[in-house]
Amino acid sequence: PQDAPLYIHRQSAYLFGRERKIADIPTDHPSCSKQHAVLQYRHTEKESPDGMMRAATRPYILDLGSTNGTFINNERVDSKRYYELLEKDMIKFGNSSREYILLNETSNQG
């Protein structure tokens, strides 16, 4: 079903696109490119409040030069540039009305 969660922690990257033979997550909308965007986990370091550097693996989205764009929270992102995704970010591809919301295991807890 379209509303079922996609568990995106099982691979290091996921290809979104119209070309079903190679896309990990098919977009199926005519305004989406065959290879539209990739969600990729990247190892990064960030400074924590105590001043120590902490390593983490975080999700990023990269538009692959699509004609009709990739959107985070309804803002079009630049092509071929990584954008870190945060919890509850909404991702859209091209002119498709389908929305992808980034959640983690604690997102539904009060």
Protein backbone atom coordinates (compact mmCIF):
# COMPACT_ATOMS: atom_id res chain seq x y z
CA PRO A 1 0.00 0.00 0.00
CA GLN A 2 1.06 3.57 -0.68
CA ASP A 3 0.70 4.61 2.96
CA ALA A 4 2.85 1.76 4.28
CA PRO A 5 6.19 2.77 5.81
CA LEU A 6 9.36 2.27 3.79
CA TYR A 7 12.13 1.05 6.05
CA ILE A 8 15.17 2.87 4.73
CA HIS A 9 17.80 1.73 7.23
CA ARG A 10 18.58 -1.54 5.47
CA GLN A 11 20.80 -0.13 2.68
CA SER A 12 23.35 2.69 2.54
CA ALA A 13 21.58 4.36 -0.42
CA TYR A 14 18.21 4.31 -2.20
CA LEU A 15 17.54 5.46 -5.77
CA PHE A 16 14.21 7.20 -6.45
CA GLY A 17 13.05 7.29 -10.05
CA ARG A 18 10.63 6.31 -12.77
CA GLU A 19 12.78 3.50 -14.20
CA ARG A 20 11.48 0.49 -12.27
CA LYS A 21 14.31 -1.81 -13.39
CA ILE A 22 16.89 0.12 -11.36
CA ALA A 23 15.01 2.35 -8.88
CA ASP A 24 14.90 1.10 -5.31
CA ILE A 25 11.82 3.25 -4.74
CA PRO A 26 9.79 3.81 -7.94
CA THR A 27 8.16 7.23 -8.27
CA ASP A 28 5.88 6.40 -11.24
CA HIS A 29 4.90 10.03 -11.91
CA PRO A 30 5.51 11.31 -15.48
CA SER A 31 7.20 14.49 -14.14
CA CYS A 32 9.84 12.40 -12.36
CA SER A 33 13.10 11.50 -14.07
CA LYS A 34 14.14 7.89 -14.70
CA GLN A 35 16.88 8.37 -12.08
CA HIS A 36 15.56 11.30 -10.09
CA ALA A 37 17.29 11.44 -6.69
CA VAL A 38 19.22 9.34 -4.22
CA LEU A 39 18.86 9.11 -0.46
CA GLN A 40 22.24 8.23 0.98
CA TYR A 41 23.55 7.72 4.48
CA ARG A 42 26.77 9.61 5.15
CA HIS A 43 29.13 9.34 8.09
CA THR A 44 29.62 12.77 9.65
CA GLU A 45 30.96 14.37 12.81
CA LYS A 46 29.16 17.11 14.71
CA GLU A 47 30.03 19.00 17.85
CA SER A 48 27.83 18.09 20.80
CA PRO A 49 26.78 20.56 23.54
CA ASP A 50 29.72 19.43 25.71
CA GLY A 51 32.16 20.45 22.95
CA MET A 52 33.12 16.89 22.01
CA MET A 53 32.94 15.72 18.41
CA ARG A 54 30.43 12.91 17.92
CA ALA A 55 30.34 10.62 14.91
CA ALA A 56 26.96 9.83 13.41
CA THR A 57 25.50 8.41 10.25
CA ARG A 58 22.79 10.67 8.85
CA PRO A 59 20.47 10.59 5.81
CA TYR A 60 21.05 13.01 2.93
CA ILE A 61 19.12 13.58 -0.31
CA LEU A 62 20.82 14.37 -3.62
CA ASP A 63 18.87 15.46 -6.72
CA LEU A 64 20.53 13.84 -9.75
CA GLY A 65 19.92 16.73 -12.16
CA SER A 66 16.21 16.04 -12.59
CA THR A 67 14.17 18.32 -14.85
CA ASN A 68 11.34 18.99 -12.38
CA GLY A 69 13.27 19.03 -9.12
CA THR A 70 13.35 17.53 -5.68
CA PHE A 71 11.69 19.34 -2.78
CA ILE A 72 12.30 19.30 0.97
CA ASN A 73 9.41 20.84 2.92
CA ASN A 74 8.12 22.38 -0.36
CA GLU A 75 11.46 24.12 -1.08
CA ARG A 76 13.23 23.08 -4.27
CA VAL A 77 16.80 21.95 -3.64
CA ASP A 78 19.79 22.58 -5.87
CA SER A 79 20.79 19.73 -8.16
CA LYS A 80 23.86 17.66 -7.40
CA ARG A 81 24.18 18.96 -3.84
CA TYR A 82 23.68 16.93 -0.66
CA TYR A 83 21.04 18.09 1.84
CA GLU A 84 20.85 16.58 5.31
CA LEU A 85 17.39 15.25 6.12
CA LEU A 86 15.94 15.82 9.56
CA GLU A 87 13.16 14.00 11.35
CA LYS A 88 9.72 14.85 9.90
CA ASP A 89 11.16 16.46 6.74
CA MET A 90 8.77 16.06 3.79
CA ILE A 91 10.30 15.06 0.46
CA LYS A 92 8.57 15.36 -2.94
CA PHE A 93 9.78 14.61 -6.45
CA GLY A 94 8.82 16.56 -9.59
CA ASN A 95 5.15 17.51 -9.77
CA SER A 96 4.01 14.38 -7.96
CA SER A 97 1.65 14.92 -5.03
CA ARG A 98 3.13 11.90 -3.20
CA GLU A 99 4.91 12.94 -0.01
CA TYR A 100 7.65 11.04 1.80
CA ILE A 101 8.06 11.92 5.48
CA LEU A 102 11.28 10.99 7.28
CA LEU A 103 10.49 9.35 10.62
CA ASN A 104 12.56 7.44 13.11
CA GLU A 105 11.62 4.76 15.62
CA THR A 106 10.55 7.33 18.23
CA SER A 107 8.63 9.70 15.92
CA ASN A 108 5.19 8.50 17.01
CA GLN A 109 5.87 8.72 20.72
CA GLY A 110 4.34 11.64 22.56
